[in-house]
């Protein structure tokens, strides 16, 4: 969700949608993101 080195916060929803399109599961590392911006998993 947020790079611990670069600070980059990718736009995750399109990534997750693409994963679901092919039947894959999407796993998010929220270690940095949860404290820098928070999260709504739904």
ModelCIF file with pLDDT and N, C-alpha, C, O atoms, coordinates in Angstrom:
data_MODEL
#
_entry.id   MODEL 
#
_entity.id                         1 
_entity.type                       polymer 
_entity.pdbx_number_of_molecules   1 
#
_entity_poly.entity_id                      1 
_entity_poly.type                           'polypeptide(L)' 
_entity_poly.nstd_linkage                   no 
_entity_poly.nstd_monomer                   no 
_entity_poly.pdbx_seq_one_letter_code       
;(UNK)(UNK)(UNK)(UNK)(UNK)(UNK)(UNK)(UNK)(UNK)(UNK)(UNK)(UNK)(UNK)(UNK)(UNK)(UNK)
(UNK)(UNK)(UNK)(UNK)(UNK)(UNK)(UNK)(UNK)(UNK)(UNK)(UNK)(UNK)(UNK)(UNK)(UNK)(UNK)
(UNK)(UNK)(UNK)(UNK)(UNK)(UNK)(UNK)(UNK)(UNK)(UNK)
;
_entity_poly.pdbx_seq_one_letter_code_can   XXXXXXXXXXXXXXXXXXXXXXXXXXXXXXXXXXXXXXXXXX 
_entity_poly.pdbx_strand_id                 A 
#
loop_
_entity_poly_seq.entity_id 
_entity_poly_seq.num 
_entity_poly_seq.mon_id 
_entity_poly_seq.hetero 
1 1  UNK n 
1 2  UNK n 
1 3  UNK n 
1 4  UNK n 
1 5  UNK n 
1 6  UNK n 
1 7  UNK n 
1 8  UNK n 
1 9  UNK n 
1 10 UNK n 
1 11 UNK n 
1 12 UNK n 
1 13 UNK n 
1 14 UNK n 
1 15 UNK n 
1 16 UNK n 
1 17 UNK n 
1 18 UNK n 
1 19 UNK n 
1 20 UNK n 
1 21 UNK n 
1 22 UNK n 
1 23 UNK n 
1 24 UNK n 
1 25 UNK n 
1 26 UNK n 
1 27 UNK n 
1 28 UNK n 
1 29 UNK n 
1 30 UNK n 
1 31 UNK n 
1 32 UNK n 
1 33 UNK n 
1 34 UNK n 
1 35 UNK n 
1 36 UNK n 
1 37 UNK n 
1 38 UNK n 
1 39 UNK n 
1 40 UNK n 
1 41 UNK n 
1 42 UNK n 
#
_struct_asym.id          A 
_struct_asym.entity_id   1 
#
loop_
_ma_qa_metric.id 
_ma_qa_metric.mode 
_ma_qa_metric.name 
_ma_qa_metric.software_group_id 
_ma_qa_metric.type 
1 global pLDDT . pLDDT 
2 local  pLDDT . pLDDT 
#
_ma_qa_metric_global.metric_id      1 
_ma_qa_metric_global.metric_value   96.86 
_ma_qa_metric_global.model_id       1 
_ma_qa_metric_global.ordinal_id     1 
#
loop_
_ma_qa_metric_local.label_asym_id 
_ma_qa_metric_local.label_comp_id 
_ma_qa_metric_local.label_seq_id 
_ma_qa_metric_local.metric_id 
_ma_qa_metric_local.metric_value 
_ma_qa_metric_local.model_id 
_ma_qa_metric_local.ordinal_id 
A UNK 1  2 98.00 1 1  
A UNK 2  2 98.00 1 2  
A UNK 3  2 98.00 1 3  
A UNK 4  2 97.00 1 4  
A UNK 5  2 98.00 1 5  
A UNK 6  2 98.00 1 6  
A UNK 7  2 98.00 1 7  
A UNK 8  2 98.00 1 8  
A UNK 9  2 98.00 1 9  
A UNK 10 2 97.00 1 10 
A UNK 11 2 96.00 1 11 
A UNK 12 2 97.00 1 12 
A UNK 13 2 96.00 1 13 
A UNK 14 2 96.00 1 14 
A UNK 15 2 97.00 1 15 
A UNK 16 2 98.00 1 16 
A UNK 17 2 98.00 1 17 
A UNK 18 2 98.00 1 18 
A UNK 19 2 98.00 1 19 
A UNK 20 2 98.00 1 20 
A UNK 21 2 97.00 1 21 
A UNK 22 2 98.00 1 22 
A UNK 23 2 98.00 1 23 
A UNK 24 2 98.00 1 24 
A UNK 25 2 98.00 1 25 
A UNK 26 2 98.00 1 26 
A UNK 27 2 98.00 1 27 
A UNK 28 2 98.00 1 28 
A UNK 29 2 98.00 1 29 
A UNK 30 2 98.00 1 30 
A UNK 31 2 97.00 1 31 
A UNK 32 2 96.00 1 32 
A UNK 33 2 96.00 1 33 
A UNK 34 2 95.00 1 34 
A UNK 35 2 94.00 1 35 
A UNK 36 2 93.00 1 36 
A UNK 37 2 91.00 1 37 
A UNK 38 2 93.00 1 38 
A UNK 39 2 95.00 1 39 
A UNK 40 2 96.00 1 40 
A UNK 41 2 97.00 1 41 
A UNK 42 2 96.00 1 42 
#
loop_
_atom_site.group_PDB 
_atom_site.id 
_atom_site.type_symbol 
_atom_site.label_atom_id 
_atom_site.label_alt_id 
_atom_site.label_comp_id 
_atom_site.label_asym_id 
_atom_site.label_entity_id 
_atom_site.label_seq_id 
_atom_site.pdbx_PDB_ins_code 
_atom_site.Cartn_x 
_atom_site.Cartn_y 
_atom_site.Cartn_z 
_atom_site.occupancy 
_atom_site.B_iso_or_equiv 
_atom_site.pdbx_formal_charge 
_atom_site.auth_seq_id 
_atom_site.auth_comp_id 
_atom_site.auth_asym_id 
_atom_site.auth_atom_id 
_atom_site.pdbx_PDB_model_num 
ATOM 1   N N  . UNK A 1 1  ? 0.832   -1.203  0.000   1.00 98.00 ? 1  UNK A N  1 
ATOM 2   C CA . UNK A 1 1  ? 0.000   0.000   0.000   1.00 98.00 ? 1  UNK A CA 1 
ATOM 3   C C  . UNK A 1 1  ? 0.868   1.255   0.000   1.00 98.00 ? 1  UNK A C  1 
ATOM 4   O O  . UNK A 1 1  ? 0.466   2.293   -0.524  1.00 98.00 ? 1  UNK A O  1 
ATOM 5   N N  . UNK A 1 2  ? 2.055   1.156   0.587   1.00 98.00 ? 2  UNK A N  1 
ATOM 6   C CA . UNK A 1 2  ? 3.002   2.275   0.609   1.00 98.00 ? 2  UNK A CA 1 
ATOM 7   C C  . UNK A 1 2  ? 4.400   1.700   0.773   1.00 98.00 ? 2  UNK A C  1 
ATOM 8   O O  . UNK A 1 2  ? 4.653   0.928   1.699   1.00 98.00 ? 2  UNK A O  1 
ATOM 9   N N  . UNK A 1 3  ? 5.304   2.071   -0.119  1.00 98.00 ? 3  UNK A N  1 
ATOM 10  C CA . UNK A 1 3  ? 6.675   1.553   -0.070  1.00 98.00 ? 3  UNK A CA 1 
ATOM 11  C C  . UNK A 1 3  ? 7.399   2.076   1.157   1.00 98.00 ? 3  UNK A C  1 
ATOM 12  O O  . UNK A 1 3  ? 7.375   3.274   1.440   1.00 98.00 ? 3  UNK A O  1 
ATOM 13  N N  . UNK A 1 4  ? 8.047   1.167   1.887   1.00 97.00 ? 4  UNK A N  1 
ATOM 14  C CA . UNK A 1 4  ? 8.780   1.580   3.081   1.00 97.00 ? 4  UNK A CA 1 
ATOM 15  C C  . UNK A 1 4  ? 10.063  2.318   2.745   1.00 97.00 ? 4  UNK A C  1 
ATOM 16  O O  . UNK A 1 4  ? 10.667  2.934   3.623   1.00 97.00 ? 4  UNK A O  1 
ATOM 17  N N  . UNK A 1 5  ? 10.492  2.268   1.485   1.00 98.00 ? 5  UNK A N  1 
ATOM 18  C CA . UNK A 1 5  ? 11.730  2.926   1.076   1.00 98.00 ? 5  UNK A CA 1 
ATOM 19  C C  . UNK A 1 5  ? 11.468  4.161   0.217   1.00 98.00 ? 5  UNK A C  1 
ATOM 20  O O  . UNK A 1 5  ? 12.098  5.199   0.417   1.00 98.00 ? 5  UNK A O  1 
ATOM 21  N N  . UNK A 1 6  ? 10.555  4.057   -0.726  1.00 98.00 ? 6  UNK A N  1 
ATOM 22  C CA . UNK A 1 6  ? 10.302  5.144   -1.672  1.00 98.00 ? 6  UNK A CA 1 
ATOM 23  C C  . UNK A 1 6  ? 9.145   6.038   -1.240  1.00 98.00 ? 6  UNK A C  1 
ATOM 24  O O  . UNK A 1 6  ? 9.019   7.163   -1.722  1.00 98.00 ? 6  UNK A O  1 
ATOM 25  N N  . UNK A 1 7  ? 8.310   5.553   -0.349  1.00 98.00 ? 7  UNK A N  1 
ATOM 26  C CA . UNK A 1 7  ? 7.131   6.320   0.058   1.00 98.00 ? 7  UNK A CA 1 
ATOM 27  C C  . UNK A 1 7  ? 5.987   6.240   -0.931  1.00 98.00 ? 7  UNK A C  1 
ATOM 28  O O  . UNK A 1 7  ? 4.911   6.774   -0.665  1.00 98.00 ? 7  UNK A O  1 
ATOM 29  N N  . UNK A 1 8  ? 6.189   5.588   -2.066  1.00 98.00 ? 8  UNK A N  1 
ATOM 30  C CA . UNK A 1 8  ? 5.176   5.505   -3.115  1.00 98.00 ? 8  UNK A CA 1 
ATOM 31  C C  . UNK A 1 8  ? 3.906   4.857   -2.586  1.00 98.00 ? 8  UNK A C  1 
ATOM 32  O O  . UNK A 1 8  ? 3.950   3.833   -1.905  1.00 98.00 ? 8  UNK A O  1 
ATOM 33  N N  . UNK A 1 9  ? 2.769   5.475   -2.911  1.00 98.00 ? 9  UNK A N  1 
ATOM 34  C CA . UNK A 1 9  ? 1.467   4.904   -2.578  1.00 98.00 ? 9  UNK A CA 1 
ATOM 35  C C  . UNK A 1 9  ? 0.743   4.583   -3.885  1.00 98.00 ? 9  UNK A C  1 
ATOM 36  O O  . UNK A 1 9  ? 0.069   5.448   -4.446  1.00 98.00 ? 9  UNK A O  1 
ATOM 37  N N  . UNK A 1 10 ? 0.875   3.358   -4.372  1.00 97.00 ? 10 UNK A N  1 
ATOM 38  C CA . UNK A 1 10 ? 0.251   3.014   -5.652  1.00 97.00 ? 10 UNK A CA 1 
ATOM 39  C C  . UNK A 1 10 ? -1.275  3.114   -5.573  1.00 97.00 ? 10 UNK A C  1 
ATOM 40  O O  . UNK A 1 10 ? -1.870  2.974   -4.505  1.00 97.00 ? 10 UNK A O  1 
ATOM 41  N N  . UNK A 1 11 ? -1.881  3.358   -6.721  1.00 96.00 ? 11 UNK A N  1 
ATOM 42  C CA . UNK A 1 11 ? -3.335  3.299   -6.829  1.00 96.00 ? 11 UNK A CA 1 
ATOM 43  C C  . UNK A 1 11 ? -3.712  1.820   -6.868  1.00 96.00 ? 11 UNK A C  1 
ATOM 44  O O  . UNK A 1 11 ? -3.603  1.174   -7.910  1.00 96.00 ? 11 UNK A O  1 
ATOM 45  N N  . UNK A 1 12 ? -4.155  1.290   -5.737  1.00 97.00 ? 12 UNK A N  1 
ATOM 46  C CA . UNK A 1 12 ? -4.316  -0.155  -5.601  1.00 97.00 ? 12 UNK A CA 1 
ATOM 47  C C  . UNK A 1 12 ? -5.601  -0.694  -6.204  1.00 97.00 ? 12 UNK A C  1 
ATOM 48  O O  . UNK A 1 12 ? -5.631  -1.851  -6.624  1.00 97.00 ? 12 UNK A O  1 
ATOM 49  N N  . UNK A 1 13 ? -6.650  0.090   -6.262  1.00 96.00 ? 13 UNK A N  1 
ATOM 50  C CA . UNK A 1 13 ? -7.921  -0.465  -6.713  1.00 96.00 ? 13 UNK A CA 1 
ATOM 51  C C  . UNK A 1 13 ? -7.833  -1.040  -8.135  1.00 96.00 ? 13 UNK A C  1 
ATOM 52  O O  . UNK A 1 13 ? -8.356  -2.131  -8.362  1.00 96.00 ? 13 UNK A O  1 
ATOM 53  N N  . UNK A 1 14 ? -7.197  -0.359  -9.104  1.00 96.00 ? 14 UNK A N  1 
ATOM 54  C CA . UNK A 1 14 ? -7.052  -0.985  -10.425 1.00 96.00 ? 14 UNK A CA 1 
ATOM 55  C C  . UNK A 1 14 ? -6.228  -2.268  -10.393 1.00 96.00 ? 14 UNK A C  1 
ATOM 56  O O  . UNK A 1 14 ? -6.508  -3.196  -11.152 1.00 96.00 ? 14 UNK A O  1 
ATOM 57  N N  . UNK A 1 15 ? -5.221  -2.337  -9.527  1.00 97.00 ? 15 UNK A N  1 
ATOM 58  C CA . UNK A 1 15 ? -4.410  -3.551  -9.399  1.00 97.00 ? 15 UNK A CA 1 
ATOM 59  C C  . UNK A 1 15 ? -5.271  -4.694  -8.881  1.00 97.00 ? 15 UNK A C  1 
ATOM 60  O O  . UNK A 1 15 ? -5.211  -5.810  -9.396  1.00 97.00 ? 15 UNK A O  1 
ATOM 61  N N  . UNK A 1 16 ? -6.065  -4.410  -7.866  1.00 98.00 ? 16 UNK A N  1 
ATOM 62  C CA . UNK A 1 16 ? -6.927  -5.435  -7.282  1.00 98.00 ? 16 UNK A CA 1 
ATOM 63  C C  . UNK A 1 16 ? -7.995  -5.883  -8.276  1.00 98.00 ? 16 UNK A C  1 
ATOM 64  O O  . UNK A 1 16 ? -8.298  -7.071  -8.383  1.00 98.00 ? 16 UNK A O  1 
ATOM 65  N N  . UNK A 1 17 ? -8.557  -4.925  -8.997  1.00 98.00 ? 17 UNK A N  1 
ATOM 66  C CA . UNK A 1 17 ? -9.566  -5.275  -9.999  1.00 98.00 ? 17 UNK A CA 1 
ATOM 67  C C  . UNK A 1 17 ? -8.983  -6.170  -11.090 1.00 98.00 ? 17 UNK A C  1 
ATOM 68  O O  . UNK A 1 17 ? -9.642  -7.107  -11.541 1.00 98.00 ? 17 UNK A O  1 
ATOM 69  N N  . UNK A 1 18 ? -7.755  -5.886  -11.515 1.00 98.00 ? 18 UNK A N  1 
ATOM 70  C CA . UNK A 1 18 ? -7.103  -6.718  -12.532 1.00 98.00 ? 18 UNK A CA 1 
ATOM 71  C C  . UNK A 1 18 ? -6.849  -8.129  -12.007 1.00 98.00 ? 18 UNK A C  1 
ATOM 72  O O  . UNK A 1 18 ? -7.022  -9.111  -12.730 1.00 98.00 ? 18 UNK A O  1 
ATOM 73  N N  . UNK A 1 19 ? -6.439  -8.218  -10.749 1.00 98.00 ? 19 UNK A N  1 
ATOM 74  C CA . UNK A 1 19 ? -6.223  -9.534  -10.151 1.00 98.00 ? 19 UNK A CA 1 
ATOM 75  C C  . UNK A 1 19 ? -7.513  -10.337 -10.146 1.00 98.00 ? 19 UNK A C  1 
ATOM 76  O O  . UNK A 1 19 ? -7.527  -11.511 -10.515 1.00 98.00 ? 19 UNK A O  1 
ATOM 77  N N  . UNK A 1 20 ? -8.593  -9.699  -9.726  1.00 98.00 ? 20 UNK A N  1 
ATOM 78  C CA . UNK A 1 20 ? -9.873  -10.390 -9.667  1.00 98.00 ? 20 UNK A CA 1 
ATOM 79  C C  . UNK A 1 20 ? -10.378 -10.765 -11.063 1.00 98.00 ? 20 UNK A C  1 
ATOM 80  O O  . UNK A 1 20 ? -11.078 -11.764 -11.228 1.00 98.00 ? 20 UNK A O  1 
ATOM 81  N N  . UNK A 1 21 ? -10.026 -9.974  -12.046 1.00 97.00 ? 21 UNK A N  1 
ATOM 82  C CA . UNK A 1 21 ? -10.476 -10.252 -13.424 1.00 97.00 ? 21 UNK A CA 1 
ATOM 83  C C  . UNK A 1 21 ? -10.003 -11.618 -13.899 1.00 97.00 ? 21 UNK A C  1 
ATOM 84  O O  . UNK A 1 21 ? -10.706 -12.289 -14.655 1.00 97.00 ? 21 UNK A O  1 
ATOM 85  N N  . UNK A 1 22 ? -8.809  -12.039 -13.459 1.00 98.00 ? 22 UNK A N  1 
ATOM 86  C CA . UNK A 1 22 ? -8.282  -13.341 -13.885 1.00 98.00 ? 22 UNK A CA 1 
ATOM 87  C C  . UNK A 1 22 ? -8.479  -14.407 -12.815 1.00 98.00 ? 22 UNK A C  1 
ATOM 88  O O  . UNK A 1 22 ? -7.959  -15.516 -12.936 1.00 98.00 ? 22 UNK A O  1 
ATOM 89  N N  . UNK A 1 23 ? -9.232  -14.072 -11.762 1.00 98.00 ? 23 UNK A N  1 
ATOM 90  C CA . UNK A 1 23 ? -9.517  -15.049 -10.726 1.00 98.00 ? 23 UNK A CA 1 
ATOM 91  C C  . UNK A 1 23 ? -8.454  -15.186 -9.658  1.00 98.00 ? 23 UNK A C  1 
ATOM 92  O O  . UNK A 1 23 ? -8.472  -16.149 -8.892  1.00 98.00 ? 23 UNK A O  1 
ATOM 93  N N  . UNK A 1 24 ? -7.517  -14.231 -9.588  1.00 98.00 ? 24 UNK A N  1 
ATOM 94  C CA . UNK A 1 24 ? -6.465  -14.272 -8.573  1.00 98.00 ? 24 UNK A CA 1 
ATOM 95  C C  . UNK A 1 24 ? -6.922  -13.543 -7.314  1.00 98.00 ? 24 UNK A C  1 
ATOM 96  O O  . UNK A 1 24 ? -7.854  -12.739 -7.361  1.00 98.00 ? 24 UNK A O  1 
ATOM 97  N N  . UNK A 1 25 ? -6.268  -13.822 -6.193  1.00 98.00 ? 25 UNK A N  1 
ATOM 98  C CA . UNK A 1 25 ? -6.524  -13.078 -4.968  1.00 98.00 ? 25 UNK A CA 1 
ATOM 99  C C  . UNK A 1 25 ? -5.523  -11.933 -4.862  1.00 98.00 ? 25 UNK A C  1 
ATOM 100 O O  . UNK A 1 25 ? -4.405  -12.022 -5.370  1.00 98.00 ? 25 UNK A O  1 
ATOM 101 N N  . UNK A 1 26 ? -5.934  -10.866 -4.200  1.00 98.00 ? 26 UNK A N  1 
ATOM 102 C CA . UNK A 1 26 ? -5.087  -9.689  -4.019  1.00 98.00 ? 26 UNK A CA 1 
ATOM 103 C C  . UNK A 1 26 ? -4.687  -9.579  -2.552  1.00 98.00 ? 26 UNK A C  1 
ATOM 104 O O  . UNK A 1 26 ? -5.538  -9.535  -1.663  1.00 98.00 ? 26 UNK A O  1 
ATOM 105 N N  . UNK A 1 27 ? -3.380  -9.534  -2.316  1.00 98.00 ? 27 UNK A N  1 
ATOM 106 C CA . UNK A 1 27 ? -2.827  -9.445  -0.967  1.00 98.00 ? 27 UNK A CA 1 
ATOM 107 C C  . UNK A 1 27 ? -2.109  -8.103  -0.837  1.00 98.00 ? 27 UNK A C  1 
ATOM 108 O O  . UNK A 1 27 ? -1.254  -7.773  -1.659  1.00 98.00 ? 27 UNK A O  1 
ATOM 109 N N  . UNK A 1 28 ? -2.452  -7.335  0.186   1.00 98.00 ? 28 UNK A N  1 
ATOM 110 C CA . UNK A 1 28 ? -1.882  -5.997  0.365   1.00 98.00 ? 28 UNK A CA 1 
ATOM 111 C C  . UNK A 1 28 ? -1.051  -5.950  1.641   1.00 98.00 ? 28 UNK A C  1 
ATOM 112 O O  . UNK A 1 28 ? -1.515  -6.327  2.716   1.00 98.00 ? 28 UNK A O  1 
ATOM 113 N N  . UNK A 1 29 ? 0.196   -5.476  1.502   1.00 98.00 ? 29 UNK A N  1 
ATOM 114 C CA . UNK A 1 29 ? 1.060   -5.185  2.645   1.00 98.00 ? 29 UNK A CA 1 
ATOM 115 C C  . UNK A 1 29 ? 0.723   -3.776  3.118   1.00 98.00 ? 29 UNK A C  1 
ATOM 116 O O  . UNK A 1 29 ? 1.040   -2.794  2.448   1.00 98.00 ? 29 UNK A O  1 
ATOM 117 N N  . UNK A 1 30 ? 0.076   -3.686  4.280   1.00 98.00 ? 30 UNK A N  1 
ATOM 118 C CA . UNK A 1 30 ? -0.363  -2.385  4.768   1.00 98.00 ? 30 UNK A CA 1 
ATOM 119 C C  . UNK A 1 30 ? 0.487   -1.804  5.875   1.00 98.00 ? 30 UNK A C  1 
ATOM 120 O O  . UNK A 1 30 ? 0.049   -0.884  6.565   1.00 98.00 ? 30 UNK A O  1 
ATOM 121 N N  . UNK A 1 31 ? 1.702   -2.320  6.065   1.00 97.00 ? 31 UNK A N  1 
ATOM 122 C CA . UNK A 1 31 ? 2.519   -1.885  7.205   1.00 97.00 ? 31 UNK A CA 1 
ATOM 123 C C  . UNK A 1 31 ? 2.744   -0.382  7.230   1.00 97.00 ? 31 UNK A C  1 
ATOM 124 O O  . UNK A 1 31 ? 2.604   0.249   8.278   1.00 97.00 ? 31 UNK A O  1 
ATOM 125 N N  . UNK A 1 32 ? 3.090   0.196   6.088   1.00 96.00 ? 32 UNK A N  1 
ATOM 126 C CA . UNK A 1 32 ? 3.287   1.649   6.035   1.00 96.00 ? 32 UNK A CA 1 
ATOM 127 C C  . UNK A 1 32 ? 1.966   2.369   5.772   1.00 96.00 ? 32 UNK A C  1 
ATOM 128 O O  . UNK A 1 32 ? 1.718   3.443   6.319   1.00 96.00 ? 32 UNK A O  1 
ATOM 129 N N  . UNK A 1 33 ? 1.128   1.776   4.939   1.00 96.00 ? 33 UNK A N  1 
ATOM 130 C CA . UNK A 1 33 ? -0.109  2.445   4.547   1.00 96.00 ? 33 UNK A CA 1 
ATOM 131 C C  . UNK A 1 33 ? -1.081  2.650   5.694   1.00 96.00 ? 33 UNK A C  1 
ATOM 132 O O  . UNK A 1 33 ? -1.795  3.652   5.731   1.00 96.00 ? 33 UNK A O  1 
ATOM 133 N N  . UNK A 1 34 ? -1.116  1.705   6.634   1.00 95.00 ? 34 UNK A N  1 
ATOM 134 C CA . UNK A 1 34 ? -2.108  1.815   7.702   1.00 95.00 ? 34 UNK A CA 1 
ATOM 135 C C  . UNK A 1 34 ? -1.847  3.017   8.591   1.00 95.00 ? 34 UNK A C  1 
ATOM 136 O O  . UNK A 1 34 ? -2.785  3.571   9.165   1.00 95.00 ? 34 UNK A O  1 
ATOM 137 N N  . UNK A 1 35 ? -0.603  3.428   8.718   1.00 94.00 ? 35 UNK A N  1 
ATOM 138 C CA . UNK A 1 35 ? -0.264  4.582   9.555   1.00 94.00 ? 35 UNK A CA 1 
ATOM 139 C C  . UNK A 1 35 ? -0.113  5.859   8.733   1.00 94.00 ? 35 UNK A C  1 
ATOM 140 O O  . UNK A 1 35 ? -0.162  6.958   9.286   1.00 94.00 ? 35 UNK A O  1 
ATOM 141 N N  . UNK A 1 36 ? 0.070   5.726   7.429   1.00 93.00 ? 36 UNK A N  1 
ATOM 142 C CA . UNK A 1 36 ? 0.163   6.900   6.549   1.00 93.00 ? 36 UNK A CA 1 
ATOM 143 C C  . UNK A 1 36 ? -1.048  6.904   5.616   1.00 93.00 ? 36 UNK A C  1 
ATOM 144 O O  . UNK A 1 36 ? -0.939  6.575   4.435   1.00 93.00 ? 36 UNK A O  1 
ATOM 145 N N  . UNK A 1 37 ? -2.192  7.279   6.161   1.00 91.00 ? 37 UNK A N  1 
ATOM 146 C CA . UNK A 1 37 ? -3.387  7.381   5.332   1.00 91.00 ? 37 UNK A CA 1 
ATOM 147 C C  . UNK A 1 37 ? -4.505  6.443   5.733   1.00 91.00 ? 37 UNK A C  1 
ATOM 148 O O  . UNK A 1 37 ? -5.666  6.707   5.422   1.00 91.00 ? 37 UNK A O  1 
ATOM 149 N N  . UNK A 1 38 ? -4.185  5.348   6.420   1.00 93.00 ? 38 UNK A N  1 
ATOM 150 C CA . UNK A 1 38 ? -5.220  4.429   6.863   1.00 93.00 ? 38 UNK A CA 1 
ATOM 151 C C  . UNK A 1 38 ? -5.751  3.558   5.738   1.00 93.00 ? 38 UNK A C  1 
ATOM 152 O O  . UNK A 1 38 ? -5.219  3.571   4.627   1.00 93.00 ? 38 UNK A O  1 
ATOM 153 N N  . UNK A 1 39 ? -6.810  2.795   6.030   1.00 95.00 ? 39 UNK A N  1 
ATOM 154 C CA . UNK A 1 39 ? -7.333  1.854   5.047   1.00 95.00 ? 39 UNK A CA 1 
ATOM 155 C C  . UNK A 1 39 ? -8.812  1.597   5.285   1.00 95.00 ? 39 UNK A C  1 
ATOM 156 O O  . UNK A 1 39 ? -9.297  1.609   6.416   1.00 95.00 ? 39 UNK A O  1 
ATOM 157 N N  . UNK A 1 40 ? -9.516  1.361   4.177   1.00 96.00 ? 40 UNK A N  1 
ATOM 158 C CA . UNK A 1 40 ? -10.887 0.857   4.199   1.00 96.00 ? 40 UNK A CA 1 
ATOM 159 C C  . UNK A 1 40 ? -10.858 -0.405  3.350   1.00 96.00 ? 40 UNK A C  1 
ATOM 160 O O  . UNK A 1 40 ? -10.896 -0.332  2.122   1.00 96.00 ? 40 UNK A O  1 
ATOM 161 N N  . UNK A 1 41 ? -10.790 -1.570  4.004   1.00 97.00 ? 41 UNK A N  1 
ATOM 162 C CA . UNK A 1 41 ? -10.589 -2.816  3.263   1.00 97.00 ? 41 UNK A CA 1 
ATOM 163 C C  . UNK A 1 41 ? -11.787 -3.146  2.374   1.00 97.00 ? 41 UNK A C  1 
ATOM 164 O O  . UNK A 1 41 ? -11.634 -3.791  1.337   1.00 97.00 ? 41 UNK A O  1 
ATOM 165 N N  . UNK A 1 42 ? -12.969 -2.706  2.778   1.00 96.00 ? 42 UNK A N  1 
ATOM 166 C CA . UNK A 1 42 ? -14.138 -2.970  1.934   1.00 96.00 ? 42 UNK A CA 1 
ATOM 167 C C  . UNK A 1 42 ? -14.086 -2.151  0.653   1.00 96.00 ? 42 UNK A C  1 
ATOM 168 O O  . UNK A 1 42 ? -14.990 -2.246  -0.178  1.00 96.00 ? 42 UNK A O  1 
#
